[in-house]
Amino acid sequence: MTKADIVNEVAKGTGFEKVMVQKVIEAFMDSVKSSMEKGNDVFLRGFGSFVITKRAEKTARNISKNTTIIIPERYVPVFKPSKEFSEEVTKSLALIKK
């Protein structure tokens, strides 16, 4: 599903114009992004959390040059679905796969 698909679904479900829905979705994404850029996590009860996790430094190999490189520690944004979200997806997929 793309952002355009989400805009269409929300517009259908709410009756709002697609242009207005797109502005709201863009504003939501900007808010999440700016909050995470400041080092804050974003919690959406019943949906999930956008959190920042620390990836440790690690050693990797460049196979083509046969050398090792050090990948420094870094912080990455991660989405962690809520328990309810995970359970609903699991149930839905189990029904689809049958």
PDB file of N, CA and C in Angstrom:
ATOM      1  N   MET A   1       0.852  -1.169   0.000  1.00  0.00           N
ATOM      2  CA  MET A   1       0.000   0.000   0.000  1.00  0.00           C
ATOM      3  C   MET A   1       0.905   1.242   0.000  1.00  0.00           C
ATOM      4  N   THR A   2       0.592   2.166  -0.864  1.00  0.00           N
ATOM      5  CA  THR A   2       1.370   3.399  -0.975  1.00  0.00           C
ATOM      6  C   THR A   2       0.667   4.532  -0.233  1.00  0.00           C
ATOM      7  N   LYS A   3       1.350   5.667  -0.137  1.00  0.00           N
ATOM      8  CA  LYS A   3       0.752   6.836   0.496  1.00  0.00           C
ATOM      9  C   LYS A   3      -0.509   7.258  -0.256  1.00  0.00           C
ATOM     10  N   ALA A   4      -0.485   7.167  -1.573  1.00  0.00           N
ATOM     11  CA  ALA A   4      -1.658   7.527  -2.378  1.00  0.00           C
ATOM     12  C   ALA A   4      -2.831   6.595  -2.062  1.00  0.00           C
ATOM     13  N   ASP A   5      -2.542   5.311  -1.860  1.00  0.00           N
ATOM     14  CA  ASP A   5      -3.592   4.359  -1.500  1.00  0.00           C
ATOM     15  C   ASP A   5      -4.198   4.701  -0.140  1.00  0.00           C
ATOM     16  N   ILE A   6      -3.342   5.092   0.799  1.00  0.00           N
ATOM     17  CA  ILE A   6      -3.830   5.473   2.125  1.00  0.00           C
ATOM     18  C   ILE A   6      -4.705   6.713   2.027  1.00  0.00           C
ATOM     19  N   VAL A   7      -4.274   7.686   1.246  1.00  0.00           N
ATOM     20  CA  VAL A   7      -5.062   8.906   1.052  1.00  0.00           C
ATOM     21  C   VAL A   7      -6.436   8.545   0.477  1.00  0.00           C
ATOM     22  N   ASN A   8      -6.462   7.689  -0.526  1.00  0.00           N
ATOM     23  CA  ASN A   8      -7.743   7.280  -1.123  1.00  0.00           C
ATOM     24  C   ASN A   8      -8.643   6.578  -0.121  1.00  0.00           C
ATOM     25  N   GLU A   9      -8.087   5.664   0.677  1.00  0.00           N
ATOM     26  CA  GLU A   9      -8.876   4.923   1.670  1.00  0.00           C
ATOM     27  C   GLU A   9      -9.443   5.854   2.737  1.00  0.00           C
ATOM     28  N   VAL A  10      -8.622   6.767   3.233  1.00  0.00           N
ATOM     29  CA  VAL A  10      -9.076   7.690   4.273  1.00  0.00           C
ATOM     30  C   VAL A  10     -10.124   8.646   3.698  1.00  0.00           C
ATOM     31  N   ALA A  11      -9.921   9.108   2.485  1.00  0.00           N
ATOM     32  CA  ALA A  11     -10.892  10.004   1.851  1.00  0.00           C
ATOM     33  C   ALA A  11     -12.238   9.305   1.686  1.00  0.00           C
ATOM     34  N   LYS A  12     -12.202   8.042   1.256  1.00  0.00           N
ATOM     35  CA  LYS A  12     -13.450   7.276   1.119  1.00  0.00           C
ATOM     36  C   LYS A  12     -14.135   7.088   2.458  1.00  0.00           C
ATOM     37  N   GLY A  13     -13.353   6.736   3.478  1.00  0.00           N
ATOM     38  CA  GLY A  13     -13.911   6.444   4.790  1.00  0.00           C
ATOM     39  C   GLY A  13     -14.438   7.659   5.533  1.00  0.00           C
ATOM     40  N   THR A  14     -13.859   8.818   5.278  1.00  0.00           N
ATOM     41  CA  THR A  14     -14.255  10.020   6.016  1.00  0.00           C
ATOM     42  C   THR A  14     -15.138  10.964   5.220  1.00  0.00           C
ATOM     43  N   GLY A  15     -15.067  10.883   3.898  1.00  0.00           N
ATOM     44  CA  GLY A  15     -15.828  11.808   3.068  1.00  0.00           C
ATOM     45  C   GLY A  15     -15.110  13.125   2.816  1.00  0.00           C
ATOM     46  N   PHE A  16     -13.897  13.262   3.334  1.00  0.00           N
ATOM     47  CA  PHE A  16     -13.120  14.480   3.087  1.00  0.00           C
ATOM     48  C   PHE A  16     -12.477  14.419   1.711  1.00  0.00           C
ATOM     49  N   GLU A  17     -12.133  15.594   1.194  1.00  0.00           N
ATOM     50  CA  GLU A  17     -11.475  15.671  -0.102  1.00  0.00           C
ATOM     51  C   GLU A  17     -10.065  15.083  -0.001  1.00  0.00           C
ATOM     52  N   LYS A  18      -9.605  14.491  -1.109  1.00  0.00           N
ATOM     53  CA  LYS A  18      -8.282  13.866  -1.128  1.00  0.00           C
ATOM     54  C   LYS A  18      -7.172  14.867  -0.829  1.00  0.00           C
ATOM     55  N   VAL A  19      -7.327  16.088  -1.304  1.00  0.00           N
ATOM     56  CA  VAL A  19      -6.303  17.113  -1.076  1.00  0.00           C
ATOM     57  C   VAL A  19      -6.154  17.387   0.419  1.00  0.00           C
ATOM     58  N   MET A  20      -7.279  17.482   1.129  1.00  0.00           N
ATOM     59  CA  MET A  20      -7.251  17.748   2.569  1.00  0.00           C
ATOM     60  C   MET A  20      -6.644  16.555   3.311  1.00  0.00           C
ATOM     61  N   VAL A  21      -7.050  15.359   2.927  1.00  0.00           N
ATOM     62  CA  VAL A  21      -6.519  14.147   3.563  1.00  0.00           C
ATOM     63  C   VAL A  21      -5.011  14.052   3.341  1.00  0.00           C
ATOM     64  N   GLN A  22      -4.566  14.360   2.140  1.00  0.00           N
ATOM     65  CA  GLN A  22      -3.139  14.294   1.844  1.00  0.00           C
ATOM     66  C   GLN A  22      -2.365  15.281   2.714  1.00  0.00           C
ATOM     67  N   LYS A  23      -2.897  16.486   2.907  1.00  0.00           N
ATOM     68  CA  LYS A  23      -2.239  17.472   3.760  1.00  0.00           C
ATOM     69  C   LYS A  23      -2.149  16.976   5.206  1.00  0.00           C
ATOM     70  N   VAL A  24      -3.206  16.347   5.690  1.00  0.00           N
ATOM     71  CA  VAL A  24      -3.215  15.831   7.057  1.00  0.00           C
ATOM     72  C   VAL A  24      -2.192  14.712   7.215  1.00  0.00           C
ATOM     73  N   ILE A  25      -2.149  13.794   6.255  1.00  0.00           N
ATOM     74  CA  ILE A  25      -1.203  12.682   6.320  1.00  0.00           C
ATOM     75  C   ILE A  25       0.232  13.204   6.237  1.00  0.00           C
ATOM     76  N   GLU A  26       0.484  14.154   5.360  1.00  0.00           N
ATOM     77  CA  GLU A  26       1.817  14.762   5.257  1.00  0.00           C
ATOM     78  C   GLU A  26       2.206  15.431   6.576  1.00  0.00           C
ATOM     79  N   ALA A  27       1.247  16.157   7.193  1.00  0.00           N
ATOM     80  CA  ALA A  27       1.519  16.830   8.463  1.00  0.00           C
ATOM     81  C   ALA A  27       1.807  15.807   9.559  1.00  0.00           C
ATOM     82  N   PHE A  28       1.073  14.697   9.563  1.00  0.00           N
ATOM     83  CA  PHE A  28       1.316  13.629  10.540  1.00  0.00           C
ATOM     84  C   PHE A  28       2.725  13.066  10.379  1.00  0.00           C
ATOM     85  N   MET A  29       3.099  12.748   9.141  1.00  0.00           N
ATOM     86  CA  MET A  29       4.426  12.184   8.890  1.00  0.00           C
ATOM     87  C   MET A  29       5.522  13.180   9.256  1.00  0.00           C
ATOM     88  N   ASP A  30       5.320  14.451   8.958  1.00  0.00           N
ATOM     89  CA  ASP A  30       6.299  15.478   9.322  1.00  0.00           C
ATOM     90  C   ASP A  30       6.443  15.581  10.843  1.00  0.00           C
ATOM     91  N   SER A  31       5.322  15.482  11.554  1.00  0.00           N
ATOM     92  CA  SER A  31       5.363  15.549  13.015  1.00  0.00           C
ATOM     93  C   SER A  31       6.134  14.377  13.603  1.00  0.00           C
ATOM     94  N   VAL A  32       5.882  13.173  13.082  1.00  0.00           N
ATOM     95  CA  VAL A  32       6.598  11.989  13.561  1.00  0.00           C
ATOM     96  C   VAL A  32       8.086  12.137  13.266  1.00  0.00           C
ATOM     97  N   LYS A  33       8.394  12.546  12.043  1.00  0.00           N
ATOM     98  CA  LYS A  33       9.794  12.688  11.639  1.00  0.00           C
ATOM     99  C   LYS A  33      10.528  13.734  12.488  1.00  0.00           C
ATOM    100  N   SER A  34       9.920  14.899  12.680  1.00  0.00           N
ATOM    101  CA  SER A  34      10.597  15.946  13.439  1.00  0.00           C
ATOM    102  C   SER A  34      10.749  15.557  14.903  1.00  0.00           C
ATOM    103  N   SER A  35       9.783  14.861  15.449  1.00  0.00           N
ATOM    104  CA  SER A  35       9.885  14.406  16.829  1.00  0.00           C
ATOM    105  C   SER A  35      11.029  13.413  16.985  1.00  0.00           C
ATOM    106  N   MET A  36      11.154  12.498  16.038  1.00  0.00           N
ATOM    107  CA  MET A  36      12.221  11.498  16.108  1.00  0.00           C
ATOM    108  C   MET A  36      13.586  12.128  15.850  1.00  0.00           C
ATOM    109  N   GLU A  37      13.641  13.129  14.995  1.00  0.00           N
ATOM    110  CA  GLU A  37      14.906  13.839  14.756  1.00  0.00           C
ATOM    111  C   GLU A  37      15.410  14.513  16.025  1.00  0.00           C
ATOM    112  N   LYS A  38      14.479  14.877  16.918  1.00  0.00           N
ATOM    113  CA  LYS A  38      14.850  15.491  18.193  1.00  0.00           C
ATOM    114  C   LYS A  38      15.193  14.444  19.252  1.00  0.00           C
ATOM    115  N   GLY A  39      15.072  13.160  18.891  1.00  0.00           N
ATOM    116  CA  GLY A  39      15.392  12.083  19.823  1.00  0.00           C
ATOM    117  C   GLY A  39      14.214  11.571  20.624  1.00  0.00           C
ATOM    118  N   ASN A  40      13.006  11.976  20.261  1.00  0.00           N
ATOM    119  CA  ASN A  40      11.807  11.551  20.979  1.00  0.00           C
ATOM    120  C   ASN A  40      11.143  10.371  20.277  1.00  0.00           C
ATOM    121  N   ASP A  41      10.598   9.451  21.061  1.00  0.00           N
ATOM    122  CA  ASP A  41       9.815   8.355  20.514  1.00  0.00           C
ATOM    123  C   ASP A  41       8.366   8.817  20.360  1.00  0.00           C
ATOM    124  N   VAL A  42       7.622   8.156  19.463  1.00  0.00           N
ATOM    125  CA  VAL A  42       6.224   8.492  19.217  1.00  0.00           C
ATOM    126  C   VAL A  42       5.386   7.262  19.524  1.00  0.00           C
ATOM    127  N   PHE A  43       4.427   7.405  20.437  1.00  0.00           N
ATOM    128  CA  PHE A  43       3.588   6.283  20.861  1.00  0.00           C
ATOM    129  C   PHE A  43       2.146   6.517  20.419  1.00  0.00           C
ATOM    130  N   LEU A  44       1.586   5.561  19.691  1.00  0.00           N
ATOM    131  CA  LEU A  44       0.197   5.622  19.244  1.00  0.00           C
ATOM    132  C   LEU A  44      -0.528   4.425  19.855  1.00  0.00           C
ATOM    133  N   ARG A  45      -1.250   4.669  20.939  1.00  0.00           N
ATOM    134  CA  ARG A  45      -1.913   3.599  21.683  1.00  0.00           C
ATOM    135  C   ARG A  45      -2.815   2.767  20.770  1.00  0.00           C
ATOM    136  N   GLY A  46      -2.671   1.457  20.837  1.00  0.00           N
ATOM    137  CA  GLY A  46      -3.479   0.542  20.039  1.00  0.00           C
ATOM    138  C   GLY A  46      -2.947   0.329  18.638  1.00  0.00           C
ATOM    139  N   PHE A  47      -1.948   1.093  18.228  1.00  0.00           N
ATOM    140  CA  PHE A  47      -1.374   0.954  16.886  1.00  0.00           C
ATOM    141  C   PHE A  47       0.075   0.515  16.963  1.00  0.00           C
ATOM    142  N   GLY A  48       0.912   1.316  17.623  1.00  0.00           N
ATOM    143  CA  GLY A  48       2.317   0.963  17.751  1.00  0.00           C
ATOM    144  C   GLY A  48       3.154   2.166  18.120  1.00  0.00           C
ATOM    145  N   SER A  49       4.465   1.953  18.120  1.00  0.00           N
ATOM    146  CA  SER A  49       5.393   3.004  18.507  1.00  0.00           C
ATOM    147  C   SER A  49       6.488   3.157  17.473  1.00  0.00           C
ATOM    148  N   PHE A  50       6.851   4.403  17.225  1.00  0.00           N
ATOM    149  CA  PHE A  50       8.013   4.713  16.409  1.00  0.00           C
ATOM    150  C   PHE A  50       9.119   5.049  17.401  1.00  0.00           C
ATOM    151  N   VAL A  51      10.130   4.193  17.494  1.00  0.00           N
ATOM    152  CA  VAL A  51      11.179   4.377  18.482  1.00  0.00           C
ATOM    153  C   VAL A  51      12.542   4.429  17.803  1.00  0.00           C
ATOM    154  N   ILE A  52      13.495   5.009  18.522  1.00  0.00           N
ATOM    155  CA  ILE A  52      14.857   5.100  18.025  1.00  0.00           C
ATOM    156  C   ILE A  52      15.677   4.041  18.754  1.00  0.00           C
ATOM    157  N   THR A  53      16.339   3.176  17.989  1.00  0.00           N
ATOM    158  CA  THR A  53      17.168   2.139  18.599  1.00  0.00           C
ATOM    159  C   THR A  53      18.624   2.352  18.197  1.00  0.00           C
ATOM    160  N   LYS A  54      19.496   1.882  19.068  1.00  0.00           N
ATOM    161  CA  LYS A  54      20.929   2.015  18.836  1.00  0.00           C
ATOM    162  C   LYS A  54      21.460   0.707  18.257  1.00  0.00           C
ATOM    163  N   ARG A  55      22.112   0.805  17.113  1.00  0.00           N
ATOM    164  CA  ARG A  55      22.768  -0.357  16.510  1.00  0.00           C
ATOM    165  C   ARG A  55      24.236  -0.306  16.891  1.00  0.00           C
ATOM    166  N   ALA A  56      24.736  -1.387  17.414  1.00  0.00           N
ATOM    167  CA  ALA A  56      26.115  -1.435  17.881  1.00  0.00           C
ATOM    168  C   ALA A  56      27.090  -1.430  16.703  1.00  0.00           C
ATOM    169  N   GLU A  57      28.323  -1.039  17.005  1.00  0.00           N
ATOM    170  CA  GLU A  57      29.385  -1.095  15.996  1.00  0.00           C
ATOM    171  C   GLU A  57      29.618  -2.559  15.618  1.00  0.00           C
ATOM    172  N   LYS A  58      29.878  -2.803  14.341  1.00  0.00           N
ATOM    173  CA  LYS A  58      30.140  -4.180  13.929  1.00  0.00           C
ATOM    174  C   LYS A  58      31.181  -4.225  12.825  1.00  0.00           C
ATOM    175  N   THR A  59      31.752  -5.396  12.652  1.00  0.00           N
ATOM    176  CA  THR A  59      32.752  -5.621  11.620  1.00  0.00           C
ATOM    177  C   THR A  59      32.068  -6.331  10.461  1.00  0.00           C
ATOM    178  N   ALA A  60      32.292  -5.834   9.259  1.00  0.00           N
ATOM    179  CA  ALA A  60      31.713  -6.437   8.061  1.00  0.00           C
ATOM    180  C   ALA A  60      32.821  -6.706   7.056  1.00  0.00           C
ATOM    181  N   ARG A  61      32.502  -7.490   6.051  1.00  0.00           N
ATOM    182  CA  ARG A  61      33.495  -7.813   5.028  1.00  0.00           C
ATOM    183  C   ARG A  61      33.032  -7.309   3.674  1.00  0.00           C
ATOM    184  N   ASN A  62      33.970  -6.729   2.934  1.00  0.00           N
ATOM    185  CA  ASN A  62      33.745  -6.374   1.546  1.00  0.00           C
ATOM    186  C   ASN A  62      34.295  -7.550   0.742  1.00  0.00           C
ATOM    187  N   ILE A  63      33.411  -8.396   0.265  1.00  0.00           N
ATOM    188  CA  ILE A  63      33.830  -9.639  -0.387  1.00  0.00           C
ATOM    189  C   ILE A  63      34.596  -9.381  -1.679  1.00  0.00           C
ATOM    190  N   SER A  64      34.191  -8.386  -2.449  1.00  0.00           N
ATOM    191  CA  SER A  64      34.849  -8.135  -3.730  1.00  0.00           C
ATOM    192  C   SER A  64      36.302  -7.675  -3.553  1.00  0.00           C
ATOM    193  N   LYS A  65      36.591  -6.921  -2.484  1.00  0.00           N
ATOM    194  CA  LYS A  65      37.958  -6.442  -2.247  1.00  0.00           C
ATOM    195  C   LYS A  65      38.684  -7.275  -1.187  1.00  0.00           C
ATOM    196  N   ASN A  66      37.964  -8.212  -0.577  1.00  0.00           N
ATOM    197  CA  ASN A  66      38.509  -9.067   0.462  1.00  0.00           C
ATOM    198  C   ASN A  66      39.113  -8.242   1.612  1.00  0.00           C
ATOM    199  N   THR A  67      38.340  -7.263   2.068  1.00  0.00           N
ATOM    200  CA  THR A  67      38.779  -6.429   3.179  1.00  0.00           C
ATOM    201  C   THR A  67      37.698  -6.396   4.247  1.00  0.00           C
ATOM    202  N   THR A  68      38.096  -6.038   5.444  1.00  0.00           N
ATOM    203  CA  THR A  68      37.115  -5.861   6.509  1.00  0.00           C
ATOM    204  C   THR A  68      36.916  -4.369   6.729  1.00  0.00           C
ATOM    205  N   ILE A  69      35.706  -4.019   7.084  1.00  0.00           N
ATOM    206  CA  ILE A  69      35.390  -2.624   7.383  1.00  0.00           C
ATOM    207  C   ILE A  69      34.638  -2.579   8.712  1.00  0.00           C
ATOM    208  N   ILE A  70      34.757  -1.476   9.377  1.00  0.00           N
ATOM    209  CA  ILE A  70      34.050  -1.259  10.630  1.00  0.00           C
ATOM    210  C   ILE A  70      32.842  -0.374  10.340  1.00  0.00           C
ATOM    211  N   ILE A  71      31.683  -0.882  10.681  1.00  0.00           N
ATOM    212  CA  ILE A  71      30.467  -0.078  10.555  1.00  0.00           C
ATOM    213  C   ILE A  71      30.218   0.536  11.926  1.00  0.00           C
ATOM    214  N   PRO A  72      30.278   1.857  12.032  1.00  0.00           N
ATOM    215  CA  PRO A  72      30.155   2.495  13.347  1.00  0.00           C
ATOM    216  C   PRO A  72      28.755   2.343  13.940  1.00  0.00           C
ATOM    217  N   GLU A  73      28.679   2.523  15.249  1.00  0.00           N
ATOM    218  CA  GLU A  73      27.358   2.470  15.874  1.00  0.00           C
ATOM    219  C   GLU A  73      26.510   3.602  15.319  1.00  0.00           C
ATOM    220  N   ARG A  74      25.209   3.355  15.290  1.00  0.00           N
ATOM    221  CA  ARG A  74      24.312   4.362  14.735  1.00  0.00           C
ATOM    222  C   ARG A  74      22.929   4.199  15.351  1.00  0.00           C
ATOM    223  N   TYR A  75      22.118   5.204  15.188  1.00  0.00           N
ATOM    224  CA  TYR A  75      20.749   5.187  15.682  1.00  0.00           C
ATOM    225  C   TYR A  75      19.814   5.099  14.493  1.00  0.00           C
ATOM    226  N   VAL A  76      18.819   4.205  14.585  1.00  0.00           N
ATOM    227  CA  VAL A  76      17.892   4.005  13.476  1.00  0.00           C
ATOM    228  C   VAL A  76      16.452   4.050  13.988  1.00  0.00           C
ATOM    229  N   PRO A  77      15.543   4.598  13.187  1.00  0.00           N
ATOM    230  CA  PRO A  77      14.133   4.582  13.569  1.00  0.00           C
ATOM    231  C   PRO A  77      13.536   3.195  13.302  1.00  0.00           C
ATOM    232  N   VAL A  78      12.687   2.752  14.217  1.00  0.00           N
ATOM    233  CA  VAL A  78      12.070   1.433  14.111  1.00  0.00           C
ATOM    234  C   VAL A  78      10.599   1.567  14.486  1.00  0.00           C
ATOM    235  N   PHE A  79       9.744   0.803  13.800  1.00  0.00           N
ATOM    236  CA  PHE A  79       8.337   0.743  14.178  1.00  0.00           C
ATOM    237  C   PHE A  79       8.089  -0.547  14.928  1.00  0.00           C
ATOM    238  N   LYS A  80       7.482  -0.435  16.108  1.00  0.00           N
ATOM    239  CA  LYS A  80       7.126  -1.607  16.904  1.00  0.00           C
ATOM    240  C   LYS A  80       5.604  -1.634  17.022  1.00  0.00           C
ATOM    241  N   PRO A  81       4.949  -2.611  16.390  1.00  0.00           N
ATOM    242  CA  PRO A  81       3.492  -2.661  16.473  1.00  0.00           C
ATOM    243  C   PRO A  81       3.024  -2.997  17.885  1.00  0.00           C
ATOM    244  N   SER A  82       1.832  -2.524  18.231  1.00  0.00           N
ATOM    245  CA  SER A  82       1.268  -2.838  19.540  1.00  0.00           C
ATOM    246  C   SER A  82       0.833  -4.299  19.561  1.00  0.00           C
ATOM    247  N   LYS A  83       0.573  -4.800  20.742  1.00  0.00           N
ATOM    248  CA  LYS A  83       0.142  -6.194  20.893  1.00  0.00           C
ATOM    249  C   LYS A  83      -1.167  -6.431  20.131  1.00  0.00           C
ATOM    250  N   GLU A  84      -2.107  -5.492  20.252  1.00  0.00           N
ATOM    251  CA  GLU A  84      -3.398  -5.628  19.569  1.00  0.00           C
ATOM    252  C   GLU A  84      -3.206  -5.641  18.047  1.00  0.00           C
ATOM    253  N   PHE A  85      -2.369  -4.749  17.563  1.00  0.00           N
ATOM    254  CA  PHE A  85      -2.078  -4.658  16.128  1.00  0.00           C
ATOM    255  C   PHE A  85      -1.514  -5.988  15.626  1.00  0.00           C
ATOM    256  N   SER A  86      -0.532  -6.518  16.332  1.00  0.00           N
ATOM    257  CA  SER A  86       0.097  -7.780  15.934  1.00  0.00           C
ATOM    258  C   SER A  86      -0.889  -8.929  15.931  1.00  0.00           C
ATOM    259  N   GLU A  87      -1.728  -8.991  16.963  1.00  0.00           N
ATOM    260  CA  GLU A  87      -2.715 -10.069  17.052  1.00  0.00           C
ATOM    261  C   GLU A  87      -3.721 -10.002  15.906  1.00  0.00           C
ATOM    262  N   GLU A  88      -4.197  -8.795  15.581  1.00  0.00           N
ATOM    263  CA  GLU A  88      -5.164  -8.642  14.493  1.00  0.00           C
ATOM    264  C   GLU A  88      -4.566  -9.046  13.155  1.00  0.00           C
ATOM    265  N   VAL A  89      -3.328  -8.634  12.898  1.00  0.00           N
ATOM    266  CA  VAL A  89      -2.665  -8.991  11.638  1.00  0.00           C
ATOM    267  C   VAL A  89      -2.461 -10.501  11.566  1.00  0.00           C
ATOM    268  N   THR A  90      -2.032 -11.093  12.667  1.00  0.00           N
ATOM    269  CA  THR A  90      -1.805 -12.535  12.694  1.00  0.00           C
ATOM    270  C   THR A  90      -3.095 -13.300  12.418  1.00  0.00           C
ATOM    271  N   LYS A  91      -4.191 -12.885  13.044  1.00  0.00           N
ATOM    272  CA  LYS A  91      -5.490 -13.544  12.823  1.00  0.00           C
ATOM    273  C   LYS A  91      -5.930 -13.399  11.378  1.00  0.00           C
ATOM    274  N   SER A  92      -5.813 -12.185  10.841  1.00  0.00           N
ATOM    275  CA  SER A  92      -6.242 -11.930   9.467  1.00  0.00           C
ATOM    276  C   SER A  92      -5.439 -12.753   8.460  1.00  0.00           C
ATOM    277  N   LEU A  93      -4.123 -12.804   8.649  1.00  0.00           N
ATOM    278  CA  LEU A  93      -3.276 -13.555   7.732  1.00  0.00           C
ATOM    279  C   LEU A  93      -3.531 -15.046   7.840  1.00  0.00           C
ATOM    280  N   ALA A  94      -3.851 -15.529   9.047  1.00  0.00           N
ATOM    281  CA  ALA A  94      -4.143 -16.939   9.215  1.00  0.00           C
ATOM    282  C   ALA A  94      -5.405 -17.309   8.443  1.00  0.00           C
ATOM    283  N   LEU A  95      -6.397 -16.419   8.425  1.00  0.00           N
ATOM    284  CA  LEU A  95      -7.621 -16.689   7.673  1.00  0.00           C
ATOM    285  C   LEU A  95      -7.392 -16.632   6.168  1.00  0.00           C
ATOM    286  N   ILE A  96      -6.546 -15.710   5.726  1.00  0.00           N
ATOM    287  CA  ILE A  96      -6.264 -15.567   4.302  1.00  0.00           C
ATOM    288  C   ILE A  96      -5.491 -16.763   3.786  1.00  0.00           C
ATOM    289  N   LYS A  97      -4.547 -17.263   4.575  1.00  0.00           N
ATOM    290  CA  LYS A  97      -3.673 -18.357   4.140  1.00  0.00           C
ATOM    291  C   LYS A  97      -4.399 -19.697   4.056  1.00  0.00           C
ATOM    292  N   LYS A  98      -5.594 -19.814   4.688  1.00  0.00           N
ATOM    293  CA  LYS A  98      -6.335 -21.099   4.652  1.00  0.00           C
ATOM    294  C   LYS A  98      -6.983 -21.355   3.346  1.00  0.00           C
TER     295      LYS A  98
END
